[in-house]
Amino acid sequence: MVPARPAPNLAPDLARALVLALALGLAWALRDWAALRSLSLPDTDDTMRLVQVRDWLAGQDWRDLTQHRLAGGLPMHWTRLADLGPAALIAALTPLAGRHEAEVAAVTAWPLMLFAVVLLLVQRIARQAGGPPLAGAAAVLAAIAYPATTVFAPGRIDHHGLQMVLLLGGVLALLGPPTLARGIWQGAAAAAAFVIGLETAPLALALGGVALWGWSCGEEGGRARLAGLALGGAAGLIVARALFAPALWDQPWCDGLTRDAWTAATAGVVGAAALAIVPEAARRPARTGLAIAMLASVAAFAASTTPRCLSPYGGVDPALAARWLTHVGEAQSIATAPWTTSFGYLGLAVIGLLAGAWRVAADRRRPWGMLLLLQATALVLACVQLRGAYAAALLATPALATAINAARRRGAIRLALVWSASAGMLYPIAAQAMTPMAHGGADTPTTCPLPSGFAHMPPGVVLAPIDMGPTILLDTPHAIVAAPYHRNNTGNLAALRSERDGPDSATVRTWNVRYVLTCPATGGAAQLQVLAR
């Protein structure tokens, strides 16, 4: 076992995190100020998050996650945990600055607060793995680690930034000497990330797998850490069920905090607890056999009792999946995304994995092997869904910082080359440079500005392109048929048919449509058609 490193002073790491977050945040905010000022947020999920926060602050029940102006009332697959930060800022600032200014301040400040925490955690992870010399370079690399940095830009109030904080907190706990306290923190962080969304579940499983491997090998403190993992996970899941379970808990879904997903997660926690009570005297072959038996039992239980969890998006209509879901950027795989997009998203992760393998070959200490496993898991996840690249980019930074540290001794040219290869922001720039200029044949836009005065028209149901839905909910009193959320099969199919063939009488009658919006192929504001009542 690696001896515990003395805990260094937090001040230098904290100062670097704050300076980088504030400097980049200011630059991003100034660049995007016109959009931020009008609450035109970067992504549809950010916009819908603000809609959900507004509804809650206006009196919607804590457990009611239904968006009542979407498709006649659509239960969202989100939870309130990710609402808490933006909502707290808005509630605190509204008496001082007014509601609109409070919302602008909240959507600007919240992602930057998370960004500062992430930069701090990356430095602590780099120190734990390779010592103090790595912290500075790791902080700078994380600050430019595309695509991870995109989830911390002002306006990005969706849940990905918070998930990165929890993931890195779990990684930091794992890299330290095995103790009960670190296990509890790791389990609690994994449970909180689970409450927010299932995207990081494979990484949480990898973190748990490392702890399980340490226990099976008889690592000193491994049993205590495994017990802590079970305790923290159990406590987190109990809190999740008691405080964050939605009103429609029993519905047949496994795409968020649902009964099926919670049951599967609980099975894993019970399995970890069962192993933690195995006597210390058990030999390695017995431990390994018990670990394999536990994993097989948990997998069989989950597959038989919660089969929907094997395909969280399995309920999406095949036609809708083909025409919409496969074109959602972060949900694409390397097989469906343009190669330039994949290069921009995954370039840093691939270089980071190579640096991690080089580091493990040169330094057999435990933290580097753990990080390499997590990097590989994140990269595989990113190949299946590009959103996995957020974690892969951040996890790459400690190994890349080591490569930079080594290159300093090899001359300026070697150092410049390694810095260039480690700068995540250069990969999308290079991908764009390699993309030929498009000439003609542009597709019809999937979103466009709302017509002037539309927010002041009498409230009604709007049939519009799918991606326009959240903006309509945020900026107007109207209801909508479609929005980019996978539970809305019927409404989204109606919107796709309308885009292709025009609104038919059955769709208009079924949804009681009053307004139809279409985006002109030539650009500009949406074209409005008011239907006779």
Protein backbone atom coordinates (compact mmCIF):
# COMPACT_ATOMS: atom_id res chain seq x y z
CA MET A 1 0.00 0.00 0.00
CA VAL A 2 1.18 3.52 -0.81
CA PRO A 3 1.87 5.44 2.41
CA ALA A 4 -0.41 8.36 3.11
CA ARG A 5 0.87 11.65 1.79
CA PRO A 6 0.85 14.57 4.19
CA ALA A 7 -2.14 16.78 3.45
CA PRO A 8 -0.75 19.89 1.72
CA ASN A 9 -2.09 23.35 2.27
CA LEU A 10 -5.27 23.97 0.33
CA ALA A 11 -4.49 27.64 -0.23
CA PRO A 12 -2.41 27.39 -3.45
CA ASP A 13 -4.86 24.99 -5.10
CA LEU A 14 -7.86 27.02 -4.04
CA ALA A 15 -6.28 30.26 -5.27
CA ARG A 16 -5.51 28.75 -8.68
CA ALA A 17 -9.03 27.34 -8.96
CA LEU A 18 -10.65 30.65 -8.13
CA VAL A 19 -8.41 32.72 -10.41
CA LEU A 20 -8.89 30.41 -13.40
CA ALA A 21 -12.64 30.07 -12.88
CA LEU A 22 -13.12 33.82 -12.47
CA ALA A 23 -10.87 34.77 -15.38
CA LEU A 24 -12.40 32.32 -17.83
CA GLY A 25 -15.89 32.91 -16.46
CA LEU A 26 -15.55 36.65 -17.00
CA ALA A 27 -14.32 36.15 -20.55
CA TRP A 28 -17.14 33.73 -21.36
CA ALA A 29 -19.77 35.95 -19.74
CA LEU A 30 -18.61 39.05 -21.66
CA ARG A 31 -18.63 37.08 -24.91
CA ASP A 32 -22.15 35.78 -24.33
CA TRP A 33 -23.58 38.66 -22.32
CA ALA A 34 -26.32 39.60 -24.79
CA ALA A 35 -27.66 36.04 -24.71
CA LEU A 36 -27.28 35.70 -20.94
CA ARG A 37 -29.00 39.04 -20.35
CA SER A 38 -32.04 37.81 -22.25
CA LEU A 39 -31.83 34.32 -20.66
CA SER A 40 -31.13 32.73 -24.02
CA LEU A 41 -29.24 29.79 -22.55
CA PRO A 42 -26.68 27.59 -24.35
CA ASP A 43 -28.63 24.33 -24.41
CA THR A 44 -32.24 23.22 -24.39
CA ASP A 45 -31.64 21.33 -21.13
CA ASP A 46 -30.38 24.52 -19.45
CA THR A 47 -33.53 26.30 -20.56
CA MET A 48 -35.78 23.50 -19.31
CA ARG A 49 -33.89 23.44 -16.01
CA LEU A 50 -34.72 27.11 -15.50
CA VAL A 51 -38.36 26.41 -16.41
CA GLN A 52 -38.45 23.63 -13.81
CA VAL A 53 -36.83 25.86 -11.18
CA ARG A 54 -39.31 28.64 -11.90
CA ASP A 55 -42.25 26.26 -11.56
CA TRP A 56 -40.94 24.99 -8.22
CA LEU A 57 -40.32 28.48 -6.84
CA ALA A 58 -43.82 29.44 -8.00
CA GLY A 59 -45.35 26.72 -5.83
CA GLN A 60 -45.20 23.43 -7.76
CA ASP A 61 -44.92 20.52 -5.34
CA TRP A 62 -41.41 19.29 -4.51
CA ARG A 63 -42.19 15.77 -5.74
CA ASP A 64 -44.18 16.87 -8.78
CA LEU A 65 -41.68 16.82 -11.66
CA THR A 66 -44.35 16.97 -14.34
CA GLN A 67 -43.98 19.75 -16.89
CA HIS A 68 -47.67 20.62 -17.09
CA ARG A 69 -47.39 22.79 -20.21
CA LEU A 70 -45.62 20.09 -22.22
CA ALA A 71 -47.65 17.48 -24.11
CA GLY A 72 -50.61 17.83 -21.76
CA GLY A 73 -48.40 17.07 -18.76
CA LEU A 74 -45.11 15.18 -19.21
CA PRO A 75 -43.31 13.64 -16.19
CA MET A 76 -39.65 14.64 -16.48
CA HIS A 77 -36.86 12.15 -15.71
CA TRP A 78 -34.93 14.70 -13.64
CA THR A 79 -34.82 15.25 -9.88
CA ARG A 80 -34.81 18.28 -7.61
CA LEU A 81 -31.20 17.80 -6.49
CA ALA A 82 -29.82 19.65 -9.52
CA ASP A 83 -32.46 22.39 -9.04
CA LEU A 84 -31.20 23.32 -5.58
CA GLY A 85 -28.17 25.44 -6.55
CA PRO A 86 -29.82 27.71 -9.14
CA ALA A 87 -33.02 27.91 -7.07
CA ALA A 88 -31.13 28.96 -3.92
CA LEU A 89 -29.31 31.73 -5.78
CA ILE A 90 -32.50 33.01 -7.40
CA ALA A 91 -34.42 32.96 -4.11
CA ALA A 92 -31.60 34.76 -2.27
CA LEU A 93 -31.00 37.43 -4.93
CA THR A 94 -34.58 38.22 -5.94
CA PRO A 95 -35.32 40.48 -2.92
CA LEU A 96 -32.10 42.40 -3.64
CA ALA A 97 -32.11 42.72 -7.42
CA GLY A 98 -35.50 41.66 -8.76
CA ARG A 99 -36.47 38.38 -10.36
CA HIS A 100 -34.98 38.82 -13.82
CA GLU A 101 -31.64 40.10 -12.56
CA ALA A 102 -31.55 37.30 -9.98
CA GLU A 103 -32.08 34.70 -12.70
CA VAL A 104 -29.36 36.22 -14.88
CA ALA A 105 -26.95 36.24 -11.93
CA ALA A 106 -27.83 32.66 -10.98
CA VAL A 107 -27.40 31.15 -14.44
CA THR A 108 -24.08 33.00 -14.75
CA ALA A 109 -22.66 32.23 -11.31
CA TRP A 110 -23.79 28.65 -10.64
CA PRO A 111 -21.77 26.88 -13.37
CA LEU A 112 -18.70 28.97 -12.51
CA MET A 113 -18.98 27.97 -8.84
CA LEU A 114 -19.01 24.33 -9.91
CA PHE A 115 -16.09 25.00 -12.27
CA ALA A 116 -13.98 26.33 -9.40
CA VAL A 117 -14.74 23.21 -7.34
CA VAL A 118 -13.80 20.95 -10.26
CA LEU A 119 -10.49 22.76 -10.76
CA LEU A 120 -9.75 22.36 -7.06
CA LEU A 121 -10.58 18.64 -7.12
CA VAL A 122 -8.44 18.02 -10.21
CA GLN A 123 -5.46 19.56 -8.42
CA ARG A 124 -6.04 17.46 -5.31
CA ILE A 125 -6.27 14.32 -7.46
CA ALA A 126 -3.02 15.25 -9.25
CA ARG A 127 -1.28 15.82 -5.90
CA GLN A 128 -2.56 12.48 -4.57
CA ALA A 129 -1.34 10.63 -7.64
CA GLY A 130 1.95 12.32 -8.38
CA GLY A 131 2.75 14.96 -5.79
CA PRO A 132 2.62 18.78 -5.53
CA PRO A 133 4.54 19.58 -8.76
CA LEU A 134 1.59 18.38 -10.85
CA ALA A 135 -1.10 20.62 -9.35
CA GLY A 136 -0.45 23.80 -11.34
CA ALA A 137 -0.28 22.15 -14.76
CA ALA A 138 -3.31 19.97 -13.97
CA ALA A 139 -5.35 23.06 -13.07
CA VAL A 140 -4.50 24.81 -16.35
CA LEU A 141 -5.17 21.65 -18.38
CA ALA A 142 -8.54 21.15 -16.69
CA ALA A 143 -9.45 24.77 -17.37
CA ILE A 144 -9.07 24.18 -21.13
CA ALA A 145 -10.12 20.51 -21.20
CA TYR A 146 -12.65 20.50 -24.01
CA PRO A 147 -15.40 19.28 -24.02
CA ALA A 148 -15.58 19.26 -20.21
CA THR A 149 -15.23 23.03 -20.01
CA THR A 150 -18.39 23.51 -22.06
CA VAL A 151 -20.58 22.31 -19.19
CA PHE A 152 -19.27 25.11 -16.94
CA ALA A 153 -19.82 28.07 -19.25
CA PRO A 154 -22.20 30.77 -17.95
CA GLY A 155 -25.76 29.63 -18.60
CA ARG A 156 -24.96 25.90 -18.30
CA ILE A 157 -27.20 25.13 -15.32
CA ASP A 158 -28.04 21.61 -16.44
CA HIS A 159 -26.85 18.72 -14.28
CA HIS A 160 -23.60 17.70 -16.00
CA GLY A 161 -21.41 20.13 -14.07
CA LEU A 162 -22.69 18.91 -10.72
CA GLN A 163 -22.15 15.31 -11.79
CA MET A 164 -18.51 16.09 -12.61
CA VAL A 165 -18.03 17.53 -9.11
CA LEU A 166 -19.43 14.38 -7.52
CA LEU A 167 -17.45 12.07 -9.80
CA LEU A 168 -14.13 13.79 -9.06
CA GLY A 169 -14.94 13.83 -5.34
CA GLY A 170 -15.38 10.07 -5.50
CA VAL A 171 -12.12 9.68 -7.42
CA LEU A 172 -10.22 11.73 -4.83
CA ALA A 173 -11.63 9.55 -2.04
CA LEU A 174 -10.64 6.40 -3.92
CA LEU A 175 -7.04 7.46 -4.51
CA GLY A 176 -6.29 8.07 -0.85
CA PRO A 177 -5.31 5.33 1.60
CA PRO A 178 -8.30 3.01 2.18
CA THR A 179 -10.33 4.08 5.22
CA LEU A 180 -13.91 3.87 6.39
CA ALA A 181 -14.37 7.64 6.01
CA ARG A 182 -13.12 7.69 2.42
CA GLY A 183 -15.38 4.77 1.59
CA ILE A 184 -18.40 6.59 3.05
CA TRP A 185 -17.65 9.68 0.97
CA GLN A 186 -17.18 7.60 -2.17
CA GLY A 187 -20.49 5.81 -1.64
CA ALA A 188 -22.39 9.00 -0.82
CA ALA A 189 -20.97 10.80 -3.88
CA ALA A 190 -21.96 7.88 -6.13
CA ALA A 191 -25.49 7.89 -4.67
CA ALA A 192 -25.85 11.63 -5.22
CA ALA A 193 -24.67 11.32 -8.83
CA PHE A 194 -27.19 8.50 -9.29
CA VAL A 195 -29.98 10.77 -8.01
CA ILE A 196 -29.05 13.39 -10.61
CA GLY A 197 -28.87 11.03 -13.58
CA LEU A 198 -27.67 7.65 -14.77
CA GLU A 199 -25.01 8.88 -17.21
CA THR A 200 -22.15 8.40 -14.76
CA ALA A 201 -23.35 5.00 -13.49
CA PRO A 202 -20.63 3.08 -15.42
CA LEU A 203 -17.97 5.25 -13.80
CA ALA A 204 -19.51 4.74 -10.37
CA LEU A 205 -19.39 0.99 -11.03
CA ALA A 206 -15.72 1.29 -12.00
CA LEU A 207 -14.99 3.18 -8.78
CA GLY A 208 -16.76 0.47 -6.81
CA GLY A 209 -14.93 -2.21 -8.78
CA VAL A 210 -11.56 -0.78 -7.76
CA ALA A 211 -12.61 -0.83 -4.10
CA LEU A 212 -13.84 -4.41 -4.51
CA TRP A 213 -10.55 -5.46 -6.12
CA GLY A 214 -8.62 -3.97 -3.23
CA TRP A 215 -10.73 -5.93 -0.76
CA SER A 216 -10.37 -9.20 -2.68
CA CYS A 217 -6.58 -8.75 -2.76
CA GLY A 218 -6.47 -8.29 1.00
CA GLU A 219 -5.36 -4.66 0.78
CA GLU A 220 -4.79 -3.09 4.17
CA GLY A 221 -7.87 -1.01 4.95
CA GLY A 222 -9.76 -2.56 2.02
CA ARG A 223 -12.43 -4.05 4.24
CA ALA A 224 -13.00 -0.71 6.01
CA ARG A 225 -13.28 1.11 2.70
CA LEU A 226 -15.74 -1.45 1.33
CA ALA A 227 -17.83 -1.14 4.49
CA GLY A 228 -17.76 2.65 4.13
CA LEU A 229 -18.77 2.38 0.49
CA ALA A 230 -21.79 0.30 1.50
CA LEU A 231 -22.68 2.68 4.35
CA GLY A 232 -22.35 5.81 2.24
CA GLY A 233 -24.24 4.27 -0.64
CA ALA A 234 -27.01 2.99 1.62
CA ALA A 235 -27.38 6.33 3.37
CA GLY A 236 -27.46 8.13 0.02
CA LEU A 237 -30.09 5.80 -1.41
CA ILE A 238 -32.25 6.11 1.71
CA VAL A 239 -32.10 9.91 1.44
CA ALA A 240 -32.84 9.64 -2.28
CA ARG A 241 -35.97 7.59 -1.64
CA ALA A 242 -37.13 9.75 1.27
CA LEU A 243 -36.44 13.23 -0.14
CA PHE A 244 -36.02 13.09 -3.90
CA ALA A 245 -38.31 10.31 -5.14
CA PRO A 246 -40.82 11.80 -7.62
CA ALA A 247 -44.56 11.48 -7.21
CA LEU A 248 -44.69 8.98 -10.11
CA TRP A 249 -42.17 6.70 -8.42
CA ASP A 250 -43.83 3.43 -9.45
CA GLN A 251 -43.99 4.05 -13.19
CA PRO A 252 -42.22 1.46 -15.40
CA TRP A 253 -39.12 3.54 -16.19
CA CYS A 254 -35.40 3.17 -15.54
CA ASP A 255 -34.08 6.47 -16.92
CA GLY A 256 -33.48 8.41 -13.69
CA LEU A 257 -34.46 8.16 -10.04
CA THR A 258 -37.20 5.56 -10.44
CA ARG A 259 -38.20 2.49 -8.48
CA ASP A 260 -36.46 0.14 -10.91
CA ALA A 261 -33.19 2.09 -10.95
CA TRP A 262 -33.23 2.48 -7.16
CA THR A 263 -33.84 -1.25 -6.72
CA ALA A 264 -30.90 -2.14 -8.95
CA ALA A 265 -28.61 0.29 -7.12
CA THR A 266 -29.73 -1.02 -3.74
CA ALA A 267 -28.86 -4.56 -4.80
CA GLY A 268 -25.28 -3.45 -5.45
CA VAL A 269 -25.03 -1.76 -2.05
CA VAL A 270 -26.36 -4.86 -0.29
CA GLY A 271 -23.78 -6.98 -2.10
CA ALA A 272 -20.95 -4.69 -0.98
CA ALA A 273 -22.22 -4.79 2.61
CA ALA A 274 -22.34 -8.58 2.55
CA LEU A 275 -18.69 -8.78 1.53
CA ALA A 276 -17.64 -6.21 4.10
CA ILE A 277 -18.67 -8.53 6.93
CA VAL A 278 -16.49 -11.38 5.69
CA PRO A 279 -13.82 -12.05 8.36
CA GLU A 280 -10.41 -10.49 7.84
CA ALA A 281 -8.87 -13.96 8.05
CA ALA A 282 -10.42 -15.04 4.73
CA ARG A 283 -7.73 -15.84 2.17
CA ARG A 284 -7.43 -14.23 -1.24
CA PRO A 285 -8.89 -17.13 -3.29
CA ALA A 286 -11.94 -17.18 -1.02
CA ARG A 287 -12.35 -13.42 -1.26
CA THR A 288 -12.07 -13.49 -5.03
CA GLY A 289 -14.63 -16.27 -5.26
CA LEU A 290 -17.02 -14.41 -2.99
CA ALA A 291 -16.59 -11.20 -5.00
CA ILE A 292 -17.35 -13.00 -8.27
CA ALA A 293 -20.37 -14.72 -6.71
CA MET A 294 -21.65 -11.40 -5.38
CA LEU A 295 -21.29 -9.64 -8.75
CA ALA A 296 -23.04 -12.51 -10.54
CA SER A 297 -25.87 -12.54 -8.00
CA VAL A 298 -26.42 -8.77 -8.18
CA ALA A 299 -26.34 -8.83 -11.99
CA ALA A 300 -28.82 -11.73 -12.14
CA PHE A 301 -31.13 -10.05 -9.62
CA ALA A 302 -31.07 -6.73 -11.48
CA ALA A 303 -31.59 -8.35 -14.88
CA SER A 304 -34.54 -10.41 -13.65
CA THR A 305 -36.31 -7.78 -11.53
CA THR A 306 -35.46 -4.58 -13.41
CA PRO A 307 -34.93 -5.56 -17.06
CA ARG A 308 -35.82 -2.06 -18.24
CA CYS A 309 -32.53 -0.84 -16.77
CA LEU A 310 -30.67 -2.71 -19.51
CA SER A 311 -32.05 -0.15 -22.01
CA PRO A 312 -33.08 3.14 -20.36
CA TYR A 313 -34.14 4.61 -23.74
CA GLY A 314 -35.85 1.41 -24.84
CA GLY A 315 -39.27 3.07 -24.64
CA VAL A 316 -38.46 5.58 -27.37
CA ASP A 317 -40.47 4.92 -30.53
CA PRO A 318 -38.11 3.51 -33.23
CA ALA A 319 -39.20 6.13 -35.75
CA LEU A 320 -38.54 8.89 -33.23
CA ALA A 321 -35.17 7.39 -32.32
CA ALA A 322 -34.14 7.30 -35.98
CA ARG A 323 -35.27 10.83 -36.84
CA TRP A 324 -34.46 12.64 -33.59
CA LEU A 325 -32.61 10.81 -30.78
CA THR A 326 -29.73 9.62 -32.96
CA HIS A 327 -29.13 13.25 -33.94
CA VAL A 328 -28.87 14.58 -30.37
CA GLY A 329 -25.21 15.62 -30.18
CA GLU A 330 -24.13 14.34 -26.77
CA ALA A 331 -26.18 11.14 -27.12
CA GLN A 332 -24.46 10.14 -30.36
CA SER A 333 -21.83 7.44 -30.56
CA ILE A 334 -18.65 7.53 -32.60
CA ALA A 335 -20.53 5.37 -35.13
CA THR A 336 -23.26 7.98 -35.70
CA ALA A 337 -21.50 11.30 -35.04
CA PRO A 338 -19.48 13.04 -37.78
CA TRP A 339 -15.83 12.06 -37.48
CA THR A 340 -14.83 15.67 -36.86
CA THR A 341 -17.20 15.83 -33.89
CA SER A 342 -15.77 12.59 -32.49
CA PHE A 343 -12.24 13.91 -32.97
CA GLY A 344 -13.03 17.13 -31.15
CA TYR A 345 -14.74 15.33 -28.28
CA LEU A 346 -12.38 12.38 -27.86
CA GLY A 347 -8.97 13.70 -28.91
CA LEU A 348 -7.92 14.77 -25.43
CA ALA A 349 -9.26 11.56 -23.85
CA VAL A 350 -7.23 9.38 -26.25
CA ILE A 351 -4.01 11.33 -25.68
CA GLY A 352 -4.71 11.28 -21.94
CA LEU A 353 -5.15 7.49 -22.00
CA LEU A 354 -1.79 7.09 -23.74
CA ALA A 355 -0.20 9.36 -21.15
CA GLY A 356 -1.84 7.33 -18.38
CA ALA A 357 -0.51 4.06 -19.82
CA TRP A 358 2.98 5.59 -20.06
CA ARG A 359 2.71 6.74 -16.45
CA VAL A 360 1.65 3.29 -15.22
CA ALA A 361 4.52 1.66 -17.10
CA ALA A 362 6.99 4.05 -15.45
CA ASP A 363 5.40 4.27 -12.02
CA ARG A 364 3.60 1.23 -10.60
CA ARG A 365 2.09 3.08 -7.67
CA ARG A 366 -1.55 2.37 -7.00
CA PRO A 367 -3.14 5.76 -7.88
CA TRP A 368 -1.95 5.75 -11.49
CA GLY A 369 -3.38 2.30 -12.17
CA MET A 370 -6.71 3.37 -10.69
CA LEU A 371 -6.79 6.51 -12.81
CA LEU A 372 -5.93 4.55 -15.94
CA LEU A 373 -8.85 2.19 -15.33
CA LEU A 374 -11.21 5.13 -14.86
CA GLN A 375 -9.84 6.86 -17.96
CA ALA A 376 -10.41 3.72 -20.02
CA THR A 377 -13.94 3.33 -18.68
CA ALA A 378 -14.77 6.95 -19.45
CA LEU A 379 -13.36 6.66 -22.97
CA VAL A 380 -15.38 3.52 -23.71
CA LEU A 381 -18.47 5.28 -22.38
CA ALA A 382 -17.69 8.28 -24.59
CA CYS A 383 -17.47 6.03 -27.64
CA VAL A 384 -21.01 4.84 -26.90
CA GLN A 385 -22.35 8.28 -25.97
CA LEU A 386 -20.21 11.35 -26.52
CA ARG A 387 -21.30 12.88 -23.22
CA GLY A 388 -18.89 10.45 -21.55
CA ALA A 389 -16.09 12.66 -22.91
CA TYR A 390 -16.75 15.24 -20.17
CA ALA A 391 -15.40 12.88 -17.53
CA ALA A 392 -12.75 11.40 -19.83
CA ALA A 393 -11.25 14.85 -20.48
CA LEU A 394 -11.01 15.77 -16.80
CA LEU A 395 -9.62 12.38 -15.78
CA ALA A 396 -6.89 12.75 -18.42
CA THR A 397 -5.38 15.87 -16.86
CA PRO A 398 -3.22 14.34 -14.05
CA ALA A 399 -1.37 12.02 -16.45
CA LEU A 400 -0.96 14.82 -18.98
CA ALA A 401 0.39 17.08 -16.24
CA THR A 402 3.01 14.40 -15.53
CA ALA A 403 3.94 14.30 -19.21
CA ILE A 404 4.39 18.07 -19.19
CA ASN A 405 6.51 17.87 -16.06
CA ALA A 406 8.75 15.28 -17.74
CA ALA A 407 8.95 17.29 -20.97
CA ARG A 408 10.36 20.29 -19.10
CA ARG A 409 13.62 18.37 -18.78
CA ARG A 410 13.76 17.62 -22.51
CA GLY A 411 13.87 21.14 -23.96
CA ALA A 412 11.49 23.84 -25.12
CA ILE A 413 10.42 22.12 -28.34
CA ARG A 414 9.42 18.89 -26.56
CA LEU A 415 7.61 20.93 -23.92
CA ALA A 416 5.69 22.94 -26.52
CA LEU A 417 4.64 19.76 -28.34
CA VAL A 418 3.39 18.09 -25.15
CA TRP A 419 1.50 21.23 -24.09
CA SER A 420 -0.13 21.37 -27.53
CA ALA A 421 -1.18 17.73 -27.38
CA SER A 422 -2.54 18.24 -23.85
CA ALA A 423 -4.61 21.36 -24.61
CA GLY A 424 -8.14 20.07 -25.06
CA MET A 425 -9.42 23.26 -26.65
CA LEU A 426 -7.17 22.66 -29.69
CA TYR A 427 -8.93 19.46 -30.78
CA PRO A 428 -12.25 21.02 -31.89
CA ILE A 429 -10.28 23.82 -33.57
CA ALA A 430 -8.26 21.26 -35.50
CA ALA A 431 -11.41 19.32 -36.36
CA GLN A 432 -13.05 22.47 -37.67
CA ALA A 433 -10.00 23.29 -39.75
CA MET A 434 -10.19 19.83 -41.33
CA THR A 435 -13.87 20.23 -42.23
CA PRO A 436 -14.53 21.37 -45.79
CA MET A 437 -16.69 24.46 -46.23
CA ALA A 438 -20.33 23.58 -46.89
CA HIS A 439 -21.96 25.08 -49.97
CA GLY A 440 -25.73 25.06 -50.29
CA GLY A 441 -28.16 22.32 -49.44
CA ALA A 442 -28.57 23.46 -45.83
CA ASP A 443 -31.15 21.63 -43.76
CA THR A 444 -34.10 23.43 -42.25
CA PRO A 445 -33.03 24.81 -38.85
CA THR A 446 -34.27 22.89 -35.82
CA THR A 447 -34.68 26.08 -33.79
CA CYS A 448 -35.01 29.80 -34.47
CA PRO A 449 -36.00 33.03 -32.64
CA LEU A 450 -39.62 33.45 -31.62
CA PRO A 451 -41.71 35.94 -33.60
CA SER A 452 -41.92 39.43 -32.17
CA GLY A 453 -44.83 39.83 -29.77
CA PHE A 454 -45.53 36.09 -29.59
CA ALA A 455 -45.20 36.05 -25.80
CA HIS A 456 -48.04 38.57 -25.49
CA MET A 457 -50.56 36.66 -27.58
CA PRO A 458 -53.41 34.81 -25.80
CA PRO A 459 -52.15 31.57 -24.24
CA GLY A 460 -52.56 28.50 -26.41
CA VAL A 461 -50.96 25.24 -27.49
CA VAL A 462 -48.02 25.60 -29.87
CA LEU A 463 -46.95 23.04 -32.45
CA ALA A 464 -43.29 23.82 -33.19
CA PRO A 465 -40.00 22.06 -33.94
CA ILE A 466 -38.89 19.84 -31.06
CA ASP A 467 -35.87 21.93 -30.03
CA MET A 468 -37.95 25.11 -29.75
CA GLY A 469 -40.09 23.68 -26.95
CA PRO A 470 -38.04 24.73 -23.90
CA THR A 471 -37.62 28.31 -25.18
CA ILE A 472 -41.37 28.64 -25.70
CA LEU A 473 -42.00 27.44 -22.14
CA LEU A 474 -39.43 29.86 -20.71
CA ASP A 475 -40.33 32.97 -22.67
CA THR A 476 -44.09 32.70 -23.14
CA PRO A 477 -47.23 31.57 -21.28
CA HIS A 478 -48.04 29.08 -24.02
CA ALA A 479 -48.12 25.28 -23.84
CA ILE A 480 -46.27 23.06 -26.30
CA VAL A 481 -46.69 19.71 -27.99
CA ALA A 482 -43.02 18.74 -28.33
CA ALA A 483 -39.68 19.17 -26.58
CA PRO A 484 -36.42 17.16 -26.71
CA TYR A 485 -37.22 14.63 -23.97
CA HIS A 486 -37.39 10.92 -24.62
CA ARG A 487 -40.56 10.20 -22.65
CA ASN A 488 -42.62 12.34 -25.05
CA ASN A 489 -43.14 9.85 -27.84
CA THR A 490 -46.57 11.03 -28.95
CA GLY A 491 -45.91 14.77 -28.94
CA ASN A 492 -42.49 14.53 -30.58
CA LEU A 493 -43.79 12.26 -33.33
CA ALA A 494 -46.59 14.75 -33.99
CA ALA A 495 -44.03 17.55 -34.31
CA LEU A 496 -41.86 15.55 -36.72
CA ARG A 497 -44.87 14.71 -38.90
CA SER A 498 -45.86 18.37 -38.91
CA GLU A 499 -42.37 19.46 -39.97
CA ARG A 500 -42.44 16.99 -42.85
CA ASP A 501 -46.06 17.21 -44.05
CA GLY A 502 -47.55 20.26 -42.34
CA PRO A 503 -50.05 20.13 -39.46
CA ASP A 504 -52.90 17.72 -40.20
CA SER A 505 -56.41 18.12 -38.83
CA ALA A 506 -56.11 15.11 -36.51
CA THR A 507 -52.99 16.50 -34.82
CA VAL A 508 -54.56 19.95 -34.48
CA ARG A 509 -57.71 18.45 -32.97
CA THR A 510 -55.94 15.99 -30.66
CA TRP A 511 -53.63 18.61 -29.15
CA ASN A 512 -56.02 21.56 -29.45
CA VAL A 513 -53.31 23.44 -31.36
CA ARG A 514 -53.74 27.20 -31.66
CA TYR A 515 -50.35 28.26 -33.03
CA VAL A 516 -47.97 26.62 -35.49
CA LEU A 517 -44.33 27.76 -35.69
CA THR A 518 -41.90 26.79 -38.42
CA CYS A 519 -38.28 27.79 -38.91
CA PRO A 520 -37.55 29.20 -42.39
CA ALA A 521 -34.72 27.51 -44.26
CA THR A 522 -33.22 30.91 -44.98
CA GLY A 523 -32.91 31.74 -41.28
CA GLY A 524 -34.55 34.46 -39.23
CA ALA A 525 -37.47 34.42 -36.83
CA ALA A 526 -40.00 31.60 -36.80
CA GLN A 527 -43.00 31.91 -39.08
CA LEU A 528 -46.28 31.98 -37.17
CA GLN A 529 -49.57 30.49 -38.29
CA VAL A 530 -52.62 31.19 -36.11
CA LEU A 531 -55.29 28.51 -36.51
CA ALA A 532 -58.99 29.22 -36.45
CA ARG A 533 -60.68 28.18 -33.21
